[in-house]
């Protein structure tokens, strides 16, 4: 009897929760750029821009992450932009900066971006 109740509960709870969660907006990172804007003997400041396109028909709220990689492709640092907004069928650029330790900063070879929809 317990097994039957547990199976019914799991099945029903999945239906309820699946209906509450909307599909994520159609967000795409189209470009990421970065530049060193300041250096000292403790950290380097990397200013960055991330361009995002909303292909969907609904406005979107999201967080963006800029990943900084070293030459062999390992992530050595990240920078976050939180609570961003983009209109439906729109493209926007967002900017920010990251203070990266001087022991890591010279190793940075490239950056990528990702978006994480806020539900």
N, C-alpha and C. Protein backbone atom coordinates (compact mmCIF):
# COMPACT_ATOMS: atom_id res chain seq x y z
N UNK A 1 0.81 -1.19 0.00
CA UNK A 1 0.00 0.00 0.00
C UNK A 1 0.86 1.27 0.00
N UNK A 2 1.96 1.22 0.80
CA UNK A 2 2.86 2.38 0.86
C UNK A 2 3.50 2.64 -0.50
N UNK A 3 3.86 1.56 -1.18
CA UNK A 3 4.50 1.70 -2.50
C UNK A 3 3.53 2.33 -3.49
N UNK A 4 2.29 1.91 -3.48
CA UNK A 4 1.29 2.47 -4.37
C UNK A 4 1.07 3.96 -4.07
N UNK A 5 0.98 4.31 -2.81
CA UNK A 5 0.80 5.71 -2.42
C UNK A 5 2.00 6.54 -2.85
N UNK A 6 3.22 6.03 -2.63
CA UNK A 6 4.42 6.75 -3.02
C UNK A 6 4.47 6.95 -4.53
N UNK A 7 4.15 5.94 -5.30
CA UNK A 7 4.14 6.05 -6.76
C UNK A 7 3.11 7.09 -7.22
N UNK A 8 1.93 7.06 -6.64
CA UNK A 8 0.90 8.04 -6.98
C UNK A 8 1.35 9.45 -6.63
N UNK A 9 1.94 9.63 -5.46
CA UNK A 9 2.39 10.94 -5.01
C UNK A 9 3.47 11.49 -5.95
N UNK A 10 4.46 10.66 -6.30
CA UNK A 10 5.52 11.11 -7.20
C UNK A 10 4.98 11.48 -8.57
N UNK A 11 4.07 10.68 -9.11
CA UNK A 11 3.49 10.98 -10.40
C UNK A 11 2.72 12.30 -10.35
N UNK A 12 1.87 12.48 -9.36
CA UNK A 12 1.06 13.68 -9.25
C UNK A 12 1.92 14.92 -9.00
N UNK A 13 2.95 14.82 -8.15
CA UNK A 13 3.79 15.98 -7.85
C UNK A 13 4.55 16.44 -9.08
N UNK A 14 4.96 15.52 -9.93
CA UNK A 14 5.65 15.91 -11.16
C UNK A 14 4.71 16.69 -12.09
N UNK A 15 3.48 16.28 -12.18
CA UNK A 15 2.51 17.00 -13.01
C UNK A 15 2.29 18.42 -12.51
N UNK A 16 2.14 18.58 -11.22
CA UNK A 16 1.90 19.91 -10.64
C UNK A 16 3.09 20.81 -10.83
N UNK A 17 4.29 20.32 -10.50
CA UNK A 17 5.47 21.16 -10.59
C UNK A 17 5.84 21.46 -12.05
N UNK A 18 5.62 20.53 -12.95
CA UNK A 18 5.93 20.78 -14.36
C UNK A 18 5.06 21.89 -14.92
N UNK A 19 3.83 22.01 -14.45
CA UNK A 19 2.95 23.06 -14.94
C UNK A 19 3.34 24.43 -14.40
N UNK A 20 3.97 24.47 -13.22
CA UNK A 20 4.34 25.74 -12.60
C UNK A 20 5.58 26.38 -13.22
N UNK A 21 6.41 25.61 -13.87
CA UNK A 21 7.68 26.11 -14.39
C UNK A 21 7.52 26.44 -15.87
N UNK A 22 7.70 27.70 -16.21
CA UNK A 22 7.60 28.12 -17.61
C UNK A 22 8.86 27.71 -18.36
N UNK A 23 8.74 27.53 -19.64
CA UNK A 23 9.90 27.23 -20.47
C UNK A 23 10.83 28.44 -20.48
N UNK A 24 12.14 28.21 -20.48
CA UNK A 24 13.07 29.35 -20.46
C UNK A 24 12.97 30.16 -21.75
N UNK A 25 13.19 31.46 -21.65
CA UNK A 25 13.17 32.31 -22.85
C UNK A 25 14.28 31.90 -23.82
N UNK A 26 14.11 32.27 -25.03
CA UNK A 26 15.08 31.95 -26.07
C UNK A 26 16.20 33.00 -26.08
N UNK A 27 17.12 32.87 -25.15
CA UNK A 27 18.22 33.82 -25.03
C UNK A 27 19.48 33.25 -25.66
N UNK A 28 20.22 34.11 -26.35
CA UNK A 28 21.46 33.67 -26.99
C UNK A 28 22.54 34.73 -26.78
N UNK A 29 23.71 34.31 -26.34
CA UNK A 29 24.86 35.21 -26.24
C UNK A 29 25.45 35.33 -27.64
N UNK A 30 25.51 36.55 -28.17
CA UNK A 30 26.01 36.74 -29.52
C UNK A 30 27.46 37.22 -29.56
N UNK A 31 27.94 37.81 -28.46
CA UNK A 31 29.32 38.31 -28.45
C UNK A 31 29.77 38.56 -27.02
N UNK A 32 31.05 38.33 -26.78
CA UNK A 32 31.69 38.68 -25.50
C UNK A 32 33.03 39.32 -25.83
N UNK A 33 33.25 40.49 -25.25
CA UNK A 33 34.52 41.19 -25.42
C UNK A 33 35.07 41.55 -24.06
N UNK A 34 36.40 41.61 -23.95
CA UNK A 34 37.00 42.08 -22.70
C UNK A 34 38.28 42.86 -22.99
N UNK A 35 38.67 43.65 -22.03
CA UNK A 35 39.86 44.48 -22.17
C UNK A 35 40.41 44.77 -20.78
N UNK A 36 41.73 44.81 -20.65
CA UNK A 36 42.35 45.19 -19.39
C UNK A 36 42.31 46.71 -19.29
N UNK A 37 41.71 47.21 -18.23
CA UNK A 37 41.58 48.67 -18.09
C UNK A 37 42.40 49.25 -16.95
N UNK A 38 42.92 48.37 -16.09
CA UNK A 38 43.70 48.86 -14.96
C UNK A 38 44.57 47.72 -14.43
N UNK A 39 45.80 48.07 -14.04
CA UNK A 39 46.71 47.07 -13.48
C UNK A 39 47.40 47.65 -12.24
N UNK A 40 47.62 46.80 -11.26
CA UNK A 40 48.51 47.14 -10.16
C UNK A 40 49.20 45.87 -9.70
N UNK A 41 49.90 45.90 -8.57
CA UNK A 41 50.65 44.72 -8.16
C UNK A 41 49.81 43.70 -7.39
N UNK A 42 48.50 43.94 -7.24
CA UNK A 42 47.60 43.02 -6.55
C UNK A 42 46.57 42.40 -7.51
N UNK A 43 45.97 43.21 -8.40
CA UNK A 43 44.94 42.74 -9.32
C UNK A 43 44.97 43.52 -10.62
N UNK A 44 44.33 42.93 -11.63
CA UNK A 44 44.07 43.62 -12.89
C UNK A 44 42.56 43.75 -13.03
N UNK A 45 42.11 44.87 -13.55
CA UNK A 45 40.68 45.05 -13.83
C UNK A 45 40.42 44.71 -15.29
N UNK A 46 39.54 43.75 -15.49
CA UNK A 46 39.08 43.38 -16.83
C UNK A 46 37.68 43.93 -17.01
N UNK A 47 37.51 44.85 -17.93
CA UNK A 47 36.17 45.33 -18.29
C UNK A 47 35.65 44.43 -19.40
N UNK A 48 34.36 44.13 -19.34
CA UNK A 48 33.79 43.22 -20.32
C UNK A 48 32.43 43.72 -20.80
N UNK A 49 32.06 43.24 -21.99
CA UNK A 49 30.73 43.47 -22.58
C UNK A 49 30.20 42.12 -23.05
N UNK A 50 28.93 41.89 -22.77
CA UNK A 50 28.28 40.68 -23.25
C UNK A 50 27.02 41.11 -24.01
N UNK A 51 26.88 40.63 -25.24
CA UNK A 51 25.71 40.95 -26.06
C UNK A 51 24.76 39.75 -26.06
N UNK A 52 23.48 40.04 -25.83
CA UNK A 52 22.47 38.99 -25.70
C UNK A 52 21.31 39.30 -26.64
N UNK A 53 20.80 38.26 -27.30
CA UNK A 53 19.65 38.38 -28.19
C UNK A 53 18.52 37.53 -27.63
N UNK A 54 17.35 38.13 -27.48
CA UNK A 54 16.15 37.41 -27.06
C UNK A 54 15.36 37.07 -28.31
N UNK A 55 15.37 35.81 -28.72
CA UNK A 55 14.66 35.37 -29.92
C UNK A 55 13.19 35.11 -29.64
N UNK A 56 12.80 35.15 -28.38
CA UNK A 56 11.44 34.80 -28.00
C UNK A 56 10.47 35.95 -28.14
N UNK A 57 9.20 35.65 -27.92
CA UNK A 57 8.12 36.64 -28.00
C UNK A 57 7.76 37.21 -26.64
N UNK A 58 8.53 36.88 -25.61
CA UNK A 58 8.28 37.36 -24.26
C UNK A 58 9.52 38.07 -23.74
N UNK A 59 9.35 39.12 -22.94
CA UNK A 59 10.52 39.72 -22.29
C UNK A 59 11.15 38.71 -21.34
N UNK A 60 12.41 38.92 -21.00
CA UNK A 60 13.11 37.94 -20.16
C UNK A 60 13.93 38.63 -19.09
N UNK A 61 13.97 38.00 -17.91
CA UNK A 61 14.87 38.39 -16.83
C UNK A 61 15.88 37.26 -16.71
N UNK A 62 17.15 37.63 -16.53
CA UNK A 62 18.18 36.61 -16.50
C UNK A 62 19.43 37.12 -15.78
N UNK A 63 20.31 36.20 -15.47
CA UNK A 63 21.64 36.50 -14.96
C UNK A 63 22.64 36.13 -16.05
N UNK A 64 23.72 36.88 -16.14
CA UNK A 64 24.76 36.59 -17.12
C UNK A 64 26.06 36.25 -16.39
N UNK A 65 26.82 35.35 -17.00
CA UNK A 65 28.12 34.94 -16.46
C UNK A 65 29.15 35.11 -17.56
N UNK A 66 30.27 35.77 -17.25
CA UNK A 66 31.40 35.85 -18.16
C UNK A 66 32.49 34.96 -17.59
N UNK A 67 32.90 33.96 -18.36
CA UNK A 67 33.94 33.01 -17.94
C UNK A 67 35.26 33.40 -18.58
N UNK A 68 36.31 33.48 -17.78
CA UNK A 68 37.65 33.79 -18.27
C UNK A 68 38.47 32.50 -18.27
N UNK A 69 39.09 32.20 -19.42
CA UNK A 69 39.83 30.95 -19.61
C UNK A 69 41.31 31.22 -19.79
N UNK A 70 42.11 30.27 -19.36
CA UNK A 70 43.54 30.31 -19.65
C UNK A 70 43.81 29.57 -20.95
N UNK A 71 45.07 29.53 -21.36
CA UNK A 71 45.44 29.01 -22.68
C UNK A 71 44.97 27.58 -22.95
N UNK A 72 45.00 26.72 -21.94
CA UNK A 72 44.61 25.32 -22.15
C UNK A 72 43.12 25.09 -22.05
N UNK A 73 42.34 26.14 -21.82
CA UNK A 73 40.89 26.01 -21.83
C UNK A 73 40.24 25.82 -20.48
N UNK A 74 40.97 26.02 -19.39
CA UNK A 74 40.39 25.91 -18.06
C UNK A 74 39.89 27.27 -17.58
N UNK A 75 38.73 27.27 -16.93
CA UNK A 75 38.20 28.52 -16.37
C UNK A 75 39.05 28.91 -15.18
N UNK A 76 39.53 30.16 -15.19
CA UNK A 76 40.34 30.65 -14.08
C UNK A 76 39.61 31.71 -13.25
N UNK A 77 38.56 32.29 -13.80
CA UNK A 77 37.76 33.26 -13.05
C UNK A 77 36.43 33.47 -13.74
N UNK A 78 35.48 34.06 -12.99
CA UNK A 78 34.14 34.36 -13.51
C UNK A 78 33.71 35.72 -13.01
N UNK A 79 32.83 36.34 -13.78
CA UNK A 79 32.21 37.59 -13.36
C UNK A 79 30.71 37.46 -13.64
N UNK A 80 29.90 38.05 -12.77
CA UNK A 80 28.45 37.89 -12.86
C UNK A 80 27.77 39.24 -13.04
N UNK A 81 26.70 39.25 -13.80
CA UNK A 81 25.78 40.39 -13.90
C UNK A 81 24.40 39.82 -13.56
N UNK A 82 23.77 40.38 -12.54
CA UNK A 82 22.54 39.79 -12.00
C UNK A 82 21.32 40.65 -12.29
N UNK A 83 20.16 39.98 -12.37
CA UNK A 83 18.86 40.65 -12.52
C UNK A 83 18.80 41.54 -13.77
N UNK A 84 19.20 41.00 -14.90
CA UNK A 84 19.16 41.74 -16.16
C UNK A 84 17.80 41.55 -16.83
N UNK A 85 17.46 42.49 -17.72
CA UNK A 85 16.16 42.46 -18.41
C UNK A 85 16.40 42.73 -19.89
N UNK A 86 15.65 42.02 -20.73
CA UNK A 86 15.68 42.27 -22.17
C UNK A 86 14.26 42.10 -22.72
N UNK A 87 13.88 42.99 -23.60
CA UNK A 87 12.54 42.95 -24.19
C UNK A 87 12.45 41.80 -25.20
N UNK A 88 11.25 41.46 -25.57
CA UNK A 88 11.02 40.42 -26.57
C UNK A 88 11.61 40.84 -27.91
N UNK A 89 12.19 39.90 -28.62
CA UNK A 89 12.77 40.12 -29.95
C UNK A 89 13.75 41.29 -29.96
N UNK A 90 14.54 41.41 -28.92
CA UNK A 90 15.47 42.53 -28.79
C UNK A 90 16.89 42.01 -28.59
N UNK A 91 17.85 42.88 -28.84
CA UNK A 91 19.25 42.58 -28.62
C UNK A 91 19.85 43.71 -27.80
N UNK A 92 20.63 43.37 -26.78
CA UNK A 92 21.24 44.38 -25.92
C UNK A 92 22.64 43.96 -25.51
N UNK A 93 23.44 44.95 -25.16
CA UNK A 93 24.76 44.70 -24.58
C UNK A 93 24.75 45.13 -23.13
N UNK A 94 25.40 44.36 -22.30
CA UNK A 94 25.54 44.65 -20.88
C UNK A 94 27.03 44.68 -20.58
N UNK A 95 27.43 45.50 -19.62
CA UNK A 95 28.86 45.57 -19.31
C UNK A 95 29.11 45.45 -17.83
N UNK A 96 30.35 45.19 -17.51
CA UNK A 96 30.76 45.06 -16.12
C UNK A 96 32.26 44.94 -16.06
N UNK A 97 32.77 44.61 -14.88
CA UNK A 97 34.21 44.44 -14.74
C UNK A 97 34.49 43.39 -13.69
N UNK A 98 35.69 42.86 -13.74
CA UNK A 98 36.15 41.86 -12.78
C UNK A 98 37.55 42.21 -12.32
N UNK A 99 37.77 42.13 -11.03
CA UNK A 99 39.11 42.29 -10.47
C UNK A 99 39.70 40.89 -10.34
N UNK A 100 40.79 40.66 -11.07
CA UNK A 100 41.38 39.32 -11.11
C UNK A 100 42.80 39.40 -10.55
N UNK A 101 43.09 38.48 -9.66
CA UNK A 101 44.37 38.44 -8.98
C UNK A 101 45.52 38.46 -9.98
N UNK A 102 46.58 39.20 -9.64
CA UNK A 102 47.71 39.37 -10.54
C UNK A 102 48.41 38.05 -10.85
N UNK A 103 48.27 37.05 -10.02
CA UNK A 103 48.89 35.75 -10.31
C UNK A 103 48.13 34.99 -11.39
N UNK A 104 46.87 35.32 -11.62
CA UNK A 104 46.04 34.64 -12.62
C UNK A 104 45.85 35.48 -13.87
N UNK A 105 45.74 36.79 -13.72
CA UNK A 105 45.37 37.69 -14.81
C UNK A 105 46.22 37.54 -16.08
N UNK A 106 47.56 37.45 -15.99
CA UNK A 106 48.34 37.35 -17.23
C UNK A 106 48.08 36.07 -18.02
N UNK A 107 47.49 35.07 -17.39
CA UNK A 107 47.23 33.79 -18.06
C UNK A 107 45.94 33.80 -18.87
N UNK A 108 45.10 34.80 -18.73
CA UNK A 108 43.80 34.81 -19.41
C UNK A 108 43.99 34.96 -20.92
N UNK A 109 43.38 34.02 -21.66
CA UNK A 109 43.54 33.99 -23.11
C UNK A 109 42.24 34.28 -23.85
N UNK A 110 41.07 34.01 -23.22
CA UNK A 110 39.80 34.25 -23.89
C UNK A 110 38.68 34.29 -22.85
N UNK A 111 37.52 34.73 -23.31
CA UNK A 111 36.33 34.80 -22.44
C UNK A 111 35.11 34.34 -23.22
N UNK A 112 34.19 33.72 -22.50
CA UNK A 112 32.90 33.33 -23.07
C UNK A 112 31.80 33.81 -22.13
N UNK A 113 30.59 33.79 -22.63
CA UNK A 113 29.46 34.20 -21.80
C UNK A 113 28.34 33.19 -21.83
N UNK A 114 27.53 33.21 -20.79
CA UNK A 114 26.33 32.37 -20.74
C UNK A 114 25.25 33.14 -20.01
N UNK A 115 24.02 32.77 -20.30
CA UNK A 115 22.87 33.39 -19.64
C UNK A 115 22.09 32.32 -18.91
N UNK A 116 21.52 32.71 -17.77
CA UNK A 116 20.73 31.79 -16.96
C UNK A 116 19.41 32.47 -16.64
N UNK A 117 18.34 32.03 -17.28
CA UNK A 117 17.03 32.65 -17.05
C UNK A 117 16.63 32.58 -15.57
N UNK A 118 15.98 33.63 -15.11
CA UNK A 118 15.46 33.67 -13.75
C UNK A 118 14.03 33.17 -13.83
N UNK A 119 13.69 32.20 -13.02
CA UNK A 119 12.34 31.63 -13.03
C UNK A 119 11.57 32.15 -11.88
